[in-house]
Structure formats: structure tokens, C-alpha cells
Amino acid sequence: MSPVHALPAADRPARTSPRVLARRAPALGVLAVLVLATTGCSVKGGDNANVIVGKQQFVAKCGSCHTLARAGTKGVVGPNLDEAFRASLAEGLRRSTIRGVVEGQIKIPNREGVMPKELLTGSKAKDVAAYVSQSADKPGKDTGLLASAVEAPGAGKPAAEKGGKLQIPASPSGQLAYSTNKATGAPGPVTIEMPNTSGVSHNIALETGTGGATPKGAKIGASPFTTKSTATVKVTLKPGTYTFFCEAPGHRQAGMYGTLTVK
């Protein structure tokens, strides 16, 4: 029996053949095709999945690797989940089937990939699968409680230098962002501290000018990387503007940067 015909009639894609799904499997992992055959009957509603928790856990555990527009994540290590499911959704693949694919890959990650085993378990895995399945390649933005489930990247209160110290935390939610994207300081020596409790590897570096996501100025300092501690870097500042950013591959481009104004 083919993977598609193993699904209940209600979950069958209208025009997607097993051969087409097999060609797309590398984008999601070969397991995706197998999951369509083995979990189609288990992804219907009724198990009270909590999509608010699902969004929070996706951002914290998955967002540093995957792009999902509605979650506001821009990771580039793993597949872009909006793009990965776009063609199949257009051809009639049910979102309940996508939920089974995602839940199956969480439980049994691709051995050739970088996703760790047991990243999420139990109800949290179901919650994430439910959120991804309803959000993948869906236009617009989350509304209601989902809209406020995760703080917007960099939306915290601007950081201010005091007594020669400036603290700019990495987002504790796991987003590729700092808790704030604005900071102020005075000229002279300063120690920049980056507390990181997210579990995602980040550092904080500083360059002259306002380059944003694109490097433009001269780098004047950078901290070590850390996943669960405080990284520090000491610099001497002159009046002007600077960009602070994370040097992990793809993090700056995903939005992990901000502006430091010194006057």
C-alpha cells in the first residue's frame, strides 16, 4: 500500500502522488514519507493540543534552526517550514497530515540531520506539531492569545550603561534576538554583559556604525559564545553609534542585532 493510500480518506491529498512526496522528502527528512503511512490515523483532533504552548515551545526549542513566519522565527540550519510544506498544501495535503509528519520527526529525528533526539517529548511534542501544522505557509499573523504567546524579538526596554557596565541579555525564549534592540552608553571603557539562559549558543560583538543585518563597520570587540551563562566583552567607546550583534552563523541575518548610541 502506498503512503498516500494508507491515509484515511479525509486526510488524503487531492493530487499528491507518492512519487512526488518522495522527491520532496529530502527537504524534510526521508522520515516524512514514512510518517504519512504510519501516523495518518493519529493526527485528527480531539487530544486537546495546546497551540499556545506549542508556539512557545517551538520558538524556544526549534526556532533557532527553522523559519516559520507566524512564529517570527528565522533559523536557517534546518528546513524553512513554510517553504517545505507549500507545494503539498497547494495540492490538497491536509494540515492534519502535516501534524503527523512533524510529530513523527520530533519523535524520530533524521539520523543525518542536526536535530537532537528527545528535543521535545509527550504533550509538548504534540503541542508543537499542532502549532506548526496550523501555521505552516499560512498568510497573516497570529491573533488573540497566540499573538501575545511570545514577546516580539527585541521589544524589551532599552538597555542603559551604568557605572561602566552595559547588560544586554539574549532572548530567554530562544529567539534569535536580544531582549532589546536599543542601548545607550557614555564614552569610555565599558564591559558589555550578555546573560544567556536560552540554551542556544550566542555571543555579543560590537562594530562601528549602524549596519543592521549587514556588516558594514569595523568590529571593536566580541565576547565568547555561551549557551547557559553570561558572556562579557570589554571595549572603549567614543561618541557615536554602534551595532551589537551575534556572530553565530545566520543569527545576525535573522535579526539578532541592535543599536548602541554613545553620547
Protein backbone atom coordinates (compact mmCIF):
# COMPACT_ATOMS: atom_id res chain seq x y z
CA MET A 1 0.00 0.00 0.00
CA SER A 2 1.36 3.43 -0.91
CA PRO A 3 1.93 6.11 1.79
CA VAL A 4 -0.89 8.25 0.43
CA HIS A 5 -3.48 5.47 0.28
CA ALA A 6 -2.60 4.44 3.82
CA LEU A 7 -4.23 7.67 4.99
CA PRO A 8 -7.90 7.96 5.93
CA ALA A 9 -9.93 9.36 3.04
CA ALA A 10 -10.43 12.68 4.85
CA ASP A 11 -6.68 13.22 5.15
CA ARG A 12 -5.67 12.23 1.63
CA PRO A 13 -4.08 14.95 -0.52
CA ALA A 14 -6.13 15.57 -3.60
CA ARG A 15 -3.37 15.31 -6.21
CA THR A 16 -0.08 14.46 -4.47
CA SER A 17 1.36 11.12 -5.56
CA PRO A 18 3.82 9.01 -3.55
CA ARG A 19 6.45 9.70 -6.19
CA VAL A 20 6.07 13.46 -5.72
CA LEU A 21 6.21 13.12 -1.93
CA ALA A 22 9.34 11.01 -2.22
CA ARG A 23 11.04 13.68 -4.30
CA ARG A 24 10.26 16.23 -1.59
CA ALA A 25 11.40 14.04 1.26
CA PRO A 26 15.00 15.39 1.43
CA ALA A 27 13.68 18.83 2.37
CA LEU A 28 12.04 17.40 5.49
CA GLY A 29 13.94 14.19 6.02
CA VAL A 30 13.19 10.79 4.50
CA LEU A 31 11.08 10.04 7.55
CA ALA A 32 8.36 12.40 6.35
CA VAL A 33 7.17 9.95 3.71
CA LEU A 34 7.13 7.08 6.21
CA VAL A 35 5.14 9.11 8.72
CA LEU A 36 2.42 9.71 6.16
CA ALA A 37 1.92 5.96 6.04
CA THR A 38 2.12 5.27 9.76
CA THR A 39 0.51 8.20 11.56
CA GLY A 40 -2.32 9.35 9.34
CA CYS A 41 -4.91 7.88 11.70
CA SER A 42 -3.47 9.52 14.82
CA VAL A 43 -3.38 13.16 13.85
CA LYS A 44 -7.05 14.05 13.99
CA GLY A 45 -8.23 16.49 16.63
CA GLY A 46 -9.64 15.55 19.97
CA ASP A 47 -6.49 15.29 22.06
CA ASN A 48 -6.69 18.91 23.26
CA ALA A 49 -3.30 20.03 21.95
CA ASN A 50 -2.37 23.44 23.34
CA VAL A 51 -1.20 25.58 20.42
CA ILE A 52 -0.19 28.44 22.73
CA VAL A 53 2.27 26.15 24.50
CA GLY A 54 3.13 24.77 21.08
CA LYS A 55 4.15 28.19 19.80
CA GLN A 56 6.18 28.93 22.93
CA GLN A 57 7.99 25.58 22.75
CA PHE A 58 8.58 25.89 19.00
CA VAL A 59 10.21 29.30 19.43
CA ALA A 60 12.29 28.09 22.39
CA LYS A 61 13.38 24.71 21.01
CA CYS A 62 13.06 24.88 17.23
CA GLY A 63 13.12 28.50 16.11
CA SER A 64 16.89 28.87 16.13
CA CYS A 65 17.04 26.26 13.33
CA HIS A 66 13.77 26.72 11.43
CA THR A 67 11.97 29.59 9.75
CA LEU A 68 8.22 29.78 10.43
CA ALA A 69 6.74 33.16 9.60
CA ARG A 70 3.82 33.10 12.02
CA ALA A 71 6.12 32.21 14.91
CA GLY A 72 8.50 35.00 13.91
CA THR A 73 11.46 32.59 13.71
CA LYS A 74 14.18 32.85 11.08
CA GLY A 75 16.55 29.94 11.70
CA VAL A 76 18.49 28.68 8.70
CA VAL A 77 20.07 25.45 9.96
CA GLY A 78 17.04 23.28 9.19
CA PRO A 79 14.29 23.48 6.54
CA ASN A 80 12.17 26.58 6.16
CA LEU A 81 8.86 25.08 7.27
CA ASP A 82 6.72 27.48 5.26
CA GLU A 83 8.53 26.54 2.06
CA ALA A 84 8.79 22.85 2.91
CA PHE A 85 5.03 22.31 3.00
CA ARG A 86 3.93 24.95 0.48
CA ALA A 87 3.62 22.81 -2.64
CA SER A 88 1.93 19.91 -0.88
CA LEU A 89 -0.60 22.22 0.77
CA ALA A 90 -1.37 23.78 -2.60
CA GLU A 91 -2.02 20.28 -3.96
CA GLY A 92 -4.50 19.48 -1.21
CA LEU A 93 -2.45 17.95 1.60
CA ARG A 94 -4.44 18.20 4.83
CA ARG A 95 -2.94 20.07 7.77
CA SER A 96 -3.80 17.09 9.97
CA THR A 97 -1.36 15.08 7.88
CA ILE A 98 1.35 17.73 8.33
CA ARG A 99 0.81 17.42 12.06
CA GLY A 100 1.63 13.73 11.85
CA VAL A 101 4.75 14.42 9.81
CA VAL A 102 6.04 16.97 12.32
CA GLU A 103 5.24 14.88 15.37
CA GLY A 104 6.91 11.85 13.81
CA GLN A 105 10.08 13.75 13.02
CA ILE A 106 10.26 15.09 16.56
CA LYS A 107 9.99 11.56 17.91
CA ILE A 108 12.43 10.02 15.42
CA PRO A 109 14.78 12.68 14.01
CA ASN A 110 16.69 12.13 10.81
CA ARG A 111 19.99 10.48 11.78
CA GLU A 112 21.83 12.53 9.17
CA GLY A 113 20.43 15.82 10.46
CA VAL A 114 21.33 18.01 13.43
CA MET A 115 18.04 17.77 15.32
CA PRO A 116 18.69 16.10 18.69
CA LYS A 117 16.70 13.13 19.90
CA GLU A 118 14.03 13.85 22.53
CA LEU A 119 14.18 17.59 21.92
CA LEU A 120 10.51 17.56 22.89
CA THR A 121 8.52 14.72 24.40
CA GLY A 122 4.98 13.87 25.43
CA SER A 123 2.35 16.59 25.25
CA LYS A 124 4.89 19.27 24.28
CA ALA A 125 5.74 17.38 21.09
CA LYS A 126 2.04 17.16 20.26
CA ASP A 127 1.56 20.86 21.03
CA VAL A 128 4.42 21.89 18.72
CA ALA A 129 3.19 19.62 15.93
CA ALA A 130 -0.31 21.11 16.25
CA TYR A 131 1.01 24.68 16.09
CA VAL A 132 3.31 24.03 13.12
CA SER A 133 0.57 22.22 11.21
CA GLN A 134 -1.88 25.11 11.54
CA SER A 135 0.75 27.78 10.86
CA ALA A 136 2.95 26.49 8.03
CA ASP A 137 2.66 28.66 4.90
CA LYS A 138 -0.43 30.39 6.32
CA PRO A 139 -0.67 34.09 5.38
CA GLY A 140 -1.14 36.76 8.00
CA LYS A 141 -0.23 36.89 11.67
CA ASP A 142 -1.32 35.08 14.80
CA THR A 143 -4.22 36.72 16.61
CA GLY A 144 -5.71 36.65 20.10
CA LEU A 145 -3.75 34.79 22.77
CA LEU A 146 -1.41 33.32 20.17
CA ALA A 147 -0.29 36.82 19.17
CA SER A 148 0.98 37.51 22.70
CA ALA A 149 2.24 34.00 23.49
CA VAL A 150 5.83 35.03 22.74
CA GLU A 151 7.29 38.51 23.20
CA ALA A 152 8.27 40.22 19.96
CA PRO A 153 12.03 39.99 19.29
CA GLY A 154 13.97 42.92 20.74
CA ALA A 155 10.86 44.53 22.21
CA GLY A 156 12.24 44.94 25.74
CA LYS A 157 13.15 48.19 27.47
CA PRO A 158 16.32 49.82 26.06
CA ALA A 159 19.49 48.84 27.93
CA ALA A 160 21.43 51.61 29.65
CA GLU A 161 25.08 51.63 30.71
CA LYS A 162 25.63 52.23 34.43
CA GLY A 163 28.97 52.54 36.16
CA GLY A 164 30.87 51.19 33.19
CA LYS A 165 28.63 48.12 32.71
CA LEU A 166 26.05 47.50 30.00
CA GLN A 167 23.86 44.40 30.16
CA ILE A 168 22.13 43.16 27.00
CA PRO A 169 20.58 39.69 27.56
CA ALA A 170 19.96 37.16 24.82
CA SER A 171 16.25 36.46 24.43
CA PRO A 172 15.37 33.83 27.08
CA SER A 173 12.66 32.41 24.81
CA GLY A 174 15.19 31.00 22.34
CA GLN A 175 14.50 33.57 19.64
CA LEU A 176 17.39 34.76 17.50
CA ALA A 177 17.32 38.15 19.19
CA TYR A 178 18.47 40.07 22.22
CA SER A 179 15.91 41.13 24.80
CA THR A 180 16.25 44.66 23.46
CA ASN A 181 17.44 46.12 20.18
CA LYS A 182 18.39 49.51 21.66
CA ALA A 183 21.06 50.55 24.17
CA THR A 184 22.71 53.75 25.39
CA GLY A 185 26.08 54.44 26.97
CA ALA A 186 28.68 57.04 27.85
CA PRO A 187 32.15 57.44 26.28
CA GLY A 188 34.96 55.48 27.89
CA PRO A 189 35.71 51.92 28.97
CA VAL A 190 32.66 49.66 29.30
CA THR A 191 32.05 45.99 30.00
CA ILE A 192 29.19 44.57 27.95
CA GLU A 193 27.48 41.59 29.55
CA MET A 194 25.21 39.14 27.72
CA PRO A 195 23.31 36.81 30.07
CA ASN A 196 22.02 33.81 28.12
CA THR A 197 19.58 31.33 29.64
CA SER A 198 18.06 30.14 26.35
CA GLY A 199 20.23 27.08 25.74
CA VAL A 200 21.01 28.42 22.24
CA SER A 201 24.64 29.34 21.57
CA HIS A 202 25.07 33.12 21.27
CA ASN A 203 27.69 35.81 21.76
CA ILE A 204 27.68 39.58 21.53
CA ALA A 205 30.01 41.57 19.29
CA LEU A 206 30.27 45.29 18.59
CA GLU A 207 31.11 47.22 15.44
CA THR A 208 31.09 50.87 14.50
CA GLY A 209 28.15 52.37 12.65
CA THR A 210 24.59 51.12 12.12
CA GLY A 211 24.96 48.19 9.80
CA GLY A 212 21.83 46.35 10.90
CA ALA A 213 21.72 42.83 9.49
CA THR A 214 24.62 43.54 7.13
CA PRO A 215 28.20 44.03 8.43
CA LYS A 216 29.48 47.48 7.49
CA GLY A 217 31.67 48.92 10.22
CA ALA A 218 34.86 47.87 11.98
CA LYS A 219 34.49 45.27 14.72
CA ILE A 220 35.91 46.53 18.00
CA GLY A 221 35.24 43.54 20.24
CA ALA A 222 33.40 40.26 20.71
CA SER A 223 32.55 38.02 23.65
CA PRO A 224 32.96 34.23 23.79
CA PHE A 225 29.95 32.07 22.93
CA THR A 226 27.76 30.63 25.65
CA THR A 227 24.51 28.66 25.95
CA LYS A 228 23.77 28.94 29.68
CA SER A 229 25.90 31.64 31.29
CA THR A 230 26.95 35.29 30.94
CA ALA A 231 29.40 36.27 28.22
CA THR A 232 31.34 39.53 28.51
CA VAL A 233 33.43 41.77 26.31
CA LYS A 234 35.35 44.92 27.28
CA VAL A 235 35.55 47.83 24.84
CA THR A 236 36.35 51.54 24.89
CA LEU A 237 33.61 53.66 23.38
CA LYS A 238 33.71 57.01 21.65
CA PRO A 239 30.67 59.20 20.96
CA GLY A 240 28.65 57.85 18.05
CA THR A 241 26.55 54.85 17.06
CA TYR A 242 27.48 51.18 17.14
CA THR A 243 25.83 47.89 16.19
CA PHE A 244 25.78 44.99 18.64
CA PHE A 245 25.16 41.58 17.09
CA CYS A 246 25.56 37.82 17.41
CA GLU A 247 28.30 36.16 15.38
CA ALA A 248 26.69 32.69 15.22
CA PRO A 249 26.07 31.80 11.55
CA GLY A 250 22.76 33.21 10.38
CA HIS A 251 21.81 34.83 13.69
CA ARG A 252 22.56 38.43 12.73
CA GLN A 253 20.80 38.00 9.40
CA ALA A 254 17.79 36.60 11.28
CA GLY A 255 17.52 39.77 13.37
CA MET A 256 19.89 39.31 16.30
CA TYR A 257 21.33 42.81 16.38
CA GLY A 258 20.64 46.26 17.80
CA THR A 259 21.92 49.81 18.03
CA LEU A 260 24.07 51.27 20.79
CA THR A 261 24.12 55.08 21.00
CA VAL A 262 27.02 56.67 22.87
CA LYS A 263 26.91 60.34 23.88
